């Protein structure tokens, strides 16, 4: 598997996480010379992401039940620079054997023109996606294991995909959401204390009391 260095923005409310993919994208010109179509991958299956204190990958079935009915395509995650939206029919997202792809018809607007020029010139070569995991009594949509002495996280159940966007550069890594998930996993794996077992001090005290009782019973 390929190893990819990935970063994430600050965690947002409702457990939203972001992942960045250092990968190329393509732009196809429109027949009228305006706008055009931008297509890229926000996620590639089979990649191991180095998140610093842990590594991470996305299971190929993790997006099977994901809600992708209203995904925005934003330039640099800026809601003021929206390029398209699946609910409006101006953008598309999907999952294939490669990963999670997005496609957007660039608007004939300053935002669309800025995105087109930046991609054509090679100023923007990365993509990002925002998502949250499905939480239930059985887990948090991920699992943890040890690989080569390091914590490894596998995303297994994505609840919602919020956006898939071209970005200029990734932000510094922040893994607060993942850390909370690991702590919950470790807590669930820790067996409860066996209250039926006595400590060494308690056993000694019991033996002393028994010895004193026997001594009293046999005294004349």
C-alpha atoms as a PDB file:
ATOM      1  CA  UNK A   1       0.000   0.000   0.000  1.00  0.00           C
ATOM      2  CA  UNK A   2       1.109   3.529  -0.664  1.00  0.00           C
ATOM      3  CA  UNK A   3       1.911   5.766   2.295  1.00  0.00           C
ATOM      4  CA  UNK A   4       0.550   9.293   2.142  1.00  0.00           C
ATOM      5  CA  UNK A   5       1.212  12.214   4.435  1.00  0.00           C
ATOM      6  CA  UNK A   6      -2.109  13.731   5.321  1.00  0.00           C
ATOM      7  CA  UNK A   7      -3.165  16.663   7.411  1.00  0.00           C
ATOM      8  CA  UNK A   8      -6.363  17.926   8.893  1.00  0.00           C
ATOM      9  CA  UNK A   9      -7.910  21.229   9.907  1.00  0.00           C
ATOM     10  CA  UNK A  10      -9.113  21.964  13.397  1.00  0.00           C
ATOM     11  CA  UNK A  11     -11.974  19.641  14.404  1.00  0.00           C
ATOM     12  CA  UNK A  12     -15.395  21.176  13.974  1.00  0.00           C
ATOM     13  CA  UNK A  13     -18.673  20.691  15.792  1.00  0.00           C
ATOM     14  CA  UNK A  14     -20.633  17.438  15.506  1.00  0.00           C
ATOM     15  CA  UNK A  15     -17.451  15.392  15.143  1.00  0.00           C
ATOM     16  CA  UNK A  16     -16.624  16.589  11.631  1.00  0.00           C
ATOM     17  CA  UNK A  17     -13.135  15.595  10.496  1.00  0.00           C
ATOM     18  CA  UNK A  18     -11.186  16.597   7.403  1.00  0.00           C
ATOM     19  CA  UNK A  19      -8.655  14.694   5.355  1.00  0.00           C
ATOM     20  CA  UNK A  20      -6.384  16.004   2.621  1.00  0.00           C
ATOM     21  CA  UNK A  21      -5.064  14.100  -0.352  1.00  0.00           C
ATOM     22  CA  UNK A  22      -1.930  15.214  -2.139  1.00  0.00           C
ATOM     23  CA  UNK A  23      -2.990  14.290  -5.619  1.00  0.00           C
ATOM     24  CA  UNK A  24      -3.601  15.838  -8.994  1.00  0.00           C
ATOM     25  CA  UNK A  25      -6.908  16.857 -10.514  1.00  0.00           C
ATOM     26  CA  UNK A  26      -8.074  17.519 -14.027  1.00  0.00           C
ATOM     27  CA  UNK A  27      -9.901  20.373 -15.665  1.00  0.00           C
ATOM     28  CA  UNK A  28     -11.824  20.092 -18.916  1.00  0.00           C
ATOM     29  CA  UNK A  29     -12.659  23.222 -20.860  1.00  0.00           C
ATOM     30  CA  UNK A  30     -16.215  23.993 -21.894  1.00  0.00           C
ATOM     31  CA  UNK A  31     -17.070  24.300 -25.570  1.00  0.00           C
ATOM     32  CA  UNK A  32     -17.829  27.992 -25.175  1.00  0.00           C
ATOM     33  CA  UNK A  33     -14.468  28.580 -23.518  1.00  0.00           C
ATOM     34  CA  UNK A  34     -16.052  29.589 -20.226  1.00  0.00           C
ATOM     35  CA  UNK A  35     -16.347  27.716 -16.953  1.00  0.00           C
ATOM     36  CA  UNK A  36     -15.452  24.095 -17.583  1.00  0.00           C
ATOM     37  CA  UNK A  37     -15.439  20.955 -15.448  1.00  0.00           C
ATOM     38  CA  UNK A  38     -13.152  20.246 -12.516  1.00  0.00           C
ATOM     39  CA  UNK A  39     -12.698  16.650 -11.359  1.00  0.00           C
ATOM     40  CA  UNK A  40     -10.533  15.148  -8.666  1.00  0.00           C
ATOM     41  CA  UNK A  41     -10.257  12.493  -5.964  1.00  0.00           C
ATOM     42  CA  UNK A  42     -10.639  13.503  -2.322  1.00  0.00           C
ATOM     43  CA  UNK A  43      -9.852   9.962  -1.117  1.00  0.00           C
ATOM     44  CA  UNK A  44      -7.972   7.026  -2.569  1.00  0.00           C
ATOM     45  CA  UNK A  45      -8.492   3.550  -1.161  1.00  0.00           C
ATOM     46  CA  UNK A  46      -5.375   1.603  -0.268  1.00  0.00           C
ATOM     47  CA  UNK A  47      -3.477   4.612   1.056  1.00  0.00           C
ATOM     48  CA  UNK A  48      -2.047   4.604   4.569  1.00  0.00           C
ATOM     49  CA  UNK A  49      -2.155   8.105   6.005  1.00  0.00           C
ATOM     50  CA  UNK A  50       0.525   9.221   8.448  1.00  0.00           C
ATOM     51  CA  UNK A  51      -1.244  11.338  11.061  1.00  0.00           C
ATOM     52  CA  UNK A  52       1.719  11.730  13.405  1.00  0.00           C
ATOM     53  CA  UNK A  53       1.096   9.615  16.486  1.00  0.00           C
ATOM     54  CA  UNK A  54      -1.049   7.154  14.540  1.00  0.00           C
ATOM     55  CA  UNK A  55      -1.653   5.926  10.994  1.00  0.00           C
ATOM     56  CA  UNK A  56      -5.012   5.671   9.288  1.00  0.00           C
ATOM     57  CA  UNK A  57      -6.784   4.133   6.324  1.00  0.00           C
ATOM     58  CA  UNK A  58     -10.343   4.015   4.986  1.00  0.00           C
ATOM     59  CA  UNK A  59     -12.035   0.661   4.557  1.00  0.00           C
ATOM     60  CA  UNK A  60     -13.412   0.132   1.040  1.00  0.00           C
ATOM     61  CA  UNK A  61     -16.887  -0.402   2.501  1.00  0.00           C
ATOM     62  CA  UNK A  62     -16.791   2.655   4.759  1.00  0.00           C
ATOM     63  CA  UNK A  63     -18.799   4.805   2.340  1.00  0.00           C
ATOM     64  CA  UNK A  64     -21.437   2.190   1.477  1.00  0.00           C
ATOM     65  CA  UNK A  65     -24.095   3.826   3.673  1.00  0.00           C
ATOM     66  CA  UNK A  66     -22.788   7.387   3.705  1.00  0.00           C
ATOM     67  CA  UNK A  67     -25.166  10.293   3.174  1.00  0.00           C
ATOM     68  CA  UNK A  68     -23.845  12.201   0.148  1.00  0.00           C
ATOM     69  CA  UNK A  69     -27.069  13.899  -0.883  1.00  0.00           C
ATOM     70  CA  UNK A  70     -25.912  17.436  -0.131  1.00  0.00           C
ATOM     71  CA  UNK A  71     -22.164  17.734  -0.664  1.00  0.00           C
ATOM     72  CA  UNK A  72     -20.631  21.129  -1.322  1.00  0.00           C
ATOM     73  CA  UNK A  73     -17.563  21.800  -3.432  1.00  0.00           C
ATOM     74  CA  UNK A  74     -15.818  24.800  -1.910  1.00  0.00           C
ATOM     75  CA  UNK A  75     -12.594  26.517  -2.854  1.00  0.00           C
ATOM     76  CA  UNK A  76     -10.309  26.112   0.169  1.00  0.00           C
ATOM     77  CA  UNK A  77     -13.318  25.157   2.324  1.00  0.00           C
ATOM     78  CA  UNK A  78     -14.503  28.755   2.192  1.00  0.00           C
ATOM     79  CA  UNK A  79     -18.332  28.809   2.221  1.00  0.00           C
ATOM     80  CA  UNK A  80     -18.139  32.193   0.502  1.00  0.00           C
ATOM     81  CA  UNK A  81     -16.405  30.547  -2.468  1.00  0.00           C
ATOM     82  CA  UNK A  82     -18.831  27.797  -3.382  1.00  0.00           C
ATOM     83  CA  UNK A  83     -18.201  26.140  -6.724  1.00  0.00           C
ATOM     84  CA  UNK A  84     -21.057  23.657  -6.758  1.00  0.00           C
ATOM     85  CA  UNK A  85     -23.482  21.610  -4.698  1.00  0.00           C
ATOM     86  CA  UNK A  86     -24.926  18.171  -5.329  1.00  0.00           C
ATOM     87  CA  UNK A  87     -28.358  19.178  -4.006  1.00  0.00           C
ATOM     88  CA  UNK A  88     -28.472  21.917  -6.658  1.00  0.00           C
ATOM     89  CA  UNK A  89     -27.328  19.601  -9.454  1.00  0.00           C
ATOM     90  CA  UNK A  90     -24.162  21.653 -10.042  1.00  0.00           C
ATOM     91  CA  UNK A  91     -21.775  19.061  -8.593  1.00  0.00           C
ATOM     92  CA  UNK A  92     -21.435  15.280  -8.433  1.00  0.00           C
ATOM     93  CA  UNK A  93     -19.697  12.924  -6.015  1.00  0.00           C
ATOM     94  CA  UNK A  94     -19.310   9.181  -6.156  1.00  0.00           C
ATOM     95  CA  UNK A  95     -17.324   6.163  -5.063  1.00  0.00           C
ATOM     96  CA  UNK A  96     -15.486   3.820  -7.418  1.00  0.00           C
ATOM     97  CA  UNK A  97     -12.669   1.287  -7.075  1.00  0.00           C
ATOM     98  CA  UNK A  98     -10.183   4.136  -6.747  1.00  0.00           C
ATOM     99  CA  UNK A  99     -11.886   6.125  -4.032  1.00  0.00           C
ATOM    100  CA  UNK A 100     -14.161   9.124  -3.474  1.00  0.00           C
ATOM    101  CA  UNK A 101     -14.320  11.408  -6.514  1.00  0.00           C
ATOM    102  CA  UNK A 102     -15.979  14.754  -7.079  1.00  0.00           C
ATOM    103  CA  UNK A 103     -16.862  16.696 -10.202  1.00  0.00           C
ATOM    104  CA  UNK A 104     -18.126  20.228 -10.506  1.00  0.00           C
ATOM    105  CA  UNK A 105     -19.233  22.460 -13.351  1.00  0.00           C
ATOM    106  CA  UNK A 106     -17.334  25.639 -12.589  1.00  0.00           C
ATOM    107  CA  UNK A 107     -19.654  28.643 -12.414  1.00  0.00           C
ATOM    108  CA  UNK A 108     -19.140  31.598 -14.718  1.00  0.00           C
ATOM    109  CA  UNK A 109     -18.244  33.795 -11.773  1.00  0.00           C
ATOM    110  CA  UNK A 110     -15.097  35.166 -10.119  1.00  0.00           C
ATOM    111  CA  UNK A 111     -15.008  32.080  -7.870  1.00  0.00           C
ATOM    112  CA  UNK A 112     -15.167  29.724 -10.824  1.00  0.00           C
ATOM    113  CA  UNK A 113     -12.572  31.679 -12.775  1.00  0.00           C
ATOM    114  CA  UNK A 114     -10.198  31.774  -9.818  1.00  0.00           C
ATOM    115  CA  UNK A 115     -10.474  28.003  -9.362  1.00  0.00           C
ATOM    116  CA  UNK A 116      -9.978  27.314 -13.071  1.00  0.00           C
ATOM    117  CA  UNK A 117      -6.864  29.470 -13.356  1.00  0.00           C
ATOM    118  CA  UNK A 118      -5.343  28.080 -10.138  1.00  0.00           C
ATOM    119  CA  UNK A 119      -5.794  24.471 -11.273  1.00  0.00           C
ATOM    120  CA  UNK A 120      -4.593  25.137 -14.814  1.00  0.00           C
ATOM    121  CA  UNK A 121      -1.429  26.822 -13.537  1.00  0.00           C
ATOM    122  CA  UNK A 122      -0.771  24.074 -11.006  1.00  0.00           C
ATOM    123  CA  UNK A 123      -1.272  26.359  -8.033  1.00  0.00           C
ATOM    124  CA  UNK A 124      -3.897  23.992  -6.625  1.00  0.00           C
ATOM    125  CA  UNK A 125      -3.094  20.266  -6.752  1.00  0.00           C
ATOM    126  CA  UNK A 126      -4.695  18.916  -3.589  1.00  0.00           C
ATOM    127  CA  UNK A 127      -8.177  17.934  -2.517  1.00  0.00           C
ATOM    128  CA  UNK A 128      -9.915  17.583   0.811  1.00  0.00           C
ATOM    129  CA  UNK A 129     -13.128  16.138   2.178  1.00  0.00           C
ATOM    130  CA  UNK A 130     -15.118  16.674   5.342  1.00  0.00           C
ATOM    131  CA  UNK A 131     -16.978  13.810   6.990  1.00  0.00           C
ATOM    132  CA  UNK A 132     -18.299  12.399  10.218  1.00  0.00           C
ATOM    133  CA  UNK A 133     -18.465   8.820  11.464  1.00  0.00           C
ATOM    134  CA  UNK A 134     -21.568   6.897  12.429  1.00  0.00           C
ATOM    135  CA  UNK A 135     -21.781   6.412  16.187  1.00  0.00           C
ATOM    136  CA  UNK A 136     -23.791   3.665  17.828  1.00  0.00           C
ATOM    137  CA  UNK A 137     -23.772   1.517  20.941  1.00  0.00           C
ATOM    138  CA  UNK A 138     -21.539  -0.907  19.039  1.00  0.00           C
ATOM    139  CA  UNK A 139     -18.808   1.598  18.160  1.00  0.00           C
ATOM    140  CA  UNK A 140     -17.814   4.896  16.626  1.00  0.00           C
ATOM    141  CA  UNK A 141     -17.506   3.932  12.968  1.00  0.00           C
ATOM    142  CA  UNK A 142     -13.836   3.035  13.313  1.00  0.00           C
ATOM    143  CA  UNK A 143     -11.580   0.413  14.837  1.00  0.00           C
ATOM    144  CA  UNK A 144      -8.116   0.562  16.362  1.00  0.00           C
ATOM    145  CA  UNK A 145      -5.221  -1.867  16.199  1.00  0.00           C
ATOM    146  CA  UNK A 146      -1.459  -1.948  16.565  1.00  0.00           C
ATOM    147  CA  UNK A 147       0.781  -1.960  13.486  1.00  0.00           C
ATOM    148  CA  UNK A 148       4.554  -1.914  13.788  1.00  0.00           C
ATOM    149  CA  UNK A 149       4.220  -0.715  17.356  1.00  0.00           C
ATOM    150  CA  UNK A 150       2.036   2.254  16.404  1.00  0.00           C
ATOM    151  CA  UNK A 151      -1.668   2.936  16.803  1.00  0.00           C
ATOM    152  CA  UNK A 152      -3.532   2.326  13.543  1.00  0.00           C
ATOM    153  CA  UNK A 153      -7.080   3.531  12.862  1.00  0.00           C
ATOM    154  CA  UNK A 154      -9.399   2.091  10.217  1.00  0.00           C
ATOM    155  CA  UNK A 155     -12.447   4.148   9.270  1.00  0.00           C
ATOM    156  CA  UNK A 156     -15.244   1.633   8.763  1.00  0.00           C
ATOM    157  CA  UNK A 157     -18.542   3.543   8.682  1.00  0.00           C
ATOM    158  CA  UNK A 158     -18.854   7.100   7.344  1.00  0.00           C
ATOM    159  CA  UNK A 159     -22.161   8.702   8.299  1.00  0.00           C
ATOM    160  CA  UNK A 160     -22.071  11.893   6.207  1.00  0.00           C
ATOM    161  CA  UNK A 161     -19.829  13.506   3.599  1.00  0.00           C
ATOM    162  CA  UNK A 162     -20.144  17.285   3.883  1.00  0.00           C
ATOM    163  CA  UNK A 163     -17.781  18.600   1.242  1.00  0.00           C
ATOM    164  CA  UNK A 164     -15.131  17.604  -1.269  1.00  0.00           C
ATOM    165  CA  UNK A 165     -12.978  20.542  -2.234  1.00  0.00           C
ATOM    166  CA  UNK A 166      -9.844  21.680  -4.060  1.00  0.00           C
ATOM    167  CA  UNK A 167      -7.421  23.270  -1.597  1.00  0.00           C
ATOM    168  CA  UNK A 168      -4.229  25.282  -1.839  1.00  0.00           C
ATOM    169  CA  UNK A 169      -2.415  23.514   0.986  1.00  0.00           C
ATOM    170  CA  UNK A 170      -3.278  21.354   3.999  1.00  0.00           C
ATOM    171  CA  UNK A 171      -3.486  22.795   7.487  1.00  0.00           C
ATOM    172  CA  UNK A 172      -1.470  21.597  10.458  1.00  0.00           C
ATOM    173  CA  UNK A 173      -2.584  18.179  11.695  1.00  0.00           C
ATOM    174  CA  UNK A 174      -5.008  18.040  14.597  1.00  0.00           C
ATOM    175  CA  UNK A 175      -6.229  14.693  15.839  1.00  0.00           C
ATOM    176  CA  UNK A 176      -8.564  15.549  18.690  1.00  0.00           C
ATOM    177  CA  UNK A 177     -11.529  13.577  17.341  1.00  0.00           C
ATOM    178  CA  UNK A 178      -9.352  10.516  16.706  1.00  0.00           C
ATOM    179  CA  UNK A 179      -7.848  10.792  20.193  1.00  0.00           C
ATOM    180  CA  UNK A 180     -11.305  10.752  21.762  1.00  0.00           C
ATOM    181  CA  UNK A 181     -12.174   7.694  19.686  1.00  0.00           C
ATOM    182  CA  UNK A 182      -9.029   5.850  20.807  1.00  0.00           C
ATOM    183  CA  UNK A 183      -9.687   6.675  24.463  1.00  0.00           C
ATOM    184  CA  UNK A 184     -13.243   5.340  24.147  1.00  0.00           C
ATOM    185  CA  UNK A 185     -11.921   2.171  22.500  1.00  0.00           C
ATOM    186  CA  UNK A 186      -9.296   1.621  25.200  1.00  0.00           C
ATOM    187  CA  UNK A 187     -11.876   2.164  27.923  1.00  0.00           C
ATOM    188  CA  UNK A 188     -14.173  -0.404  26.330  1.00  0.00           C
ATOM    189  CA  UNK A 189     -11.302  -2.917  26.162  1.00  0.00           C
ATOM    190  CA  UNK A 190     -10.379  -2.513  29.840  1.00  0.00           C
ATOM    191  CA  UNK A 191     -12.050  -5.261  31.906  1.00  0.00           C
ATOM    192  CA  UNK A 192     -13.937  -4.127  35.014  1.00  0.00           C
ATOM    193  CA  UNK A 193     -12.232  -4.777  38.345  1.00  0.00           C
ATOM    194  CA  UNK A 194     -12.982  -8.200  39.868  1.00  0.00           C
ATOM    195  CA  UNK A 195     -14.441  -7.288  43.212  1.00  0.00           C
ATOM    196  CA  UNK A 196     -14.534 -10.955  44.229  1.00  0.00           C
ATOM    197  CA  UNK A 197     -10.748 -11.038  44.468  1.00  0.00           C
ATOM    198  CA  UNK A 198      -9.131  -9.893  47.664  1.00  0.00           C
ATOM    199  CA  UNK A 199      -5.905  -7.947  47.846  1.00  0.00           C
ATOM    200  CA  UNK A 200      -2.874  -9.411  49.595  1.00  0.00           C
ATOM    201  CA  UNK A 201      -3.451  -7.146  52.583  1.00  0.00           C
ATOM    202  CA  UNK A 202      -7.065  -8.302  52.874  1.00  0.00           C
ATOM    203  CA  UNK A 203      -6.018 -11.965  52.742  1.00  0.00           C
ATOM    204  CA  UNK A 204      -3.440 -11.445  55.499  1.00  0.00           C
ATOM    205  CA  UNK A 205      -6.050  -9.721  57.650  1.00  0.00           C
ATOM    206  CA  UNK A 206      -8.502 -12.583  57.125  1.00  0.00           C
ATOM    207  CA  UNK A 207      -5.880 -15.181  58.080  1.00  0.00           C
ATOM    208  CA  UNK A 208      -4.978 -13.263  61.260  1.00  0.00           C
ATOM    209  CA  UNK A 209      -8.615 -13.018  62.294  1.00  0.00           C
ATOM    210  CA  UNK A 210      -9.064 -16.735  61.652  1.00  0.00           C
ATOM    211  CA  UNK A 211      -5.974 -17.581  63.711  1.00  0.00           C
ATOM    212  CA  UNK A 212      -7.157 -15.438  66.636  1.00  0.00           C
ATOM    213  CA  UNK A 213     -10.587 -17.053  66.523  1.00  0.00           C
ATOM    214  CA  UNK A 214      -9.128 -20.572  66.586  1.00  0.00           C
ATOM    215  CA  UNK A 215      -6.837 -19.626  69.458  1.00  0.00           C
ATOM    216  CA  UNK A 216      -9.772 -18.414  71.538  1.00  0.00           C
ATOM    217  CA  UNK A 217     -11.743 -21.563  70.773  1.00  0.00           C
ATOM    218  CA  UNK A 218      -9.035 -23.861  72.105  1.00  0.00           C
ATOM    219  CA  UNK A 219      -8.149 -21.827  75.205  1.00  0.00           C
ATOM    220  CA  UNK A 220      -9.292 -23.492  78.505  1.00  0.00           C
END
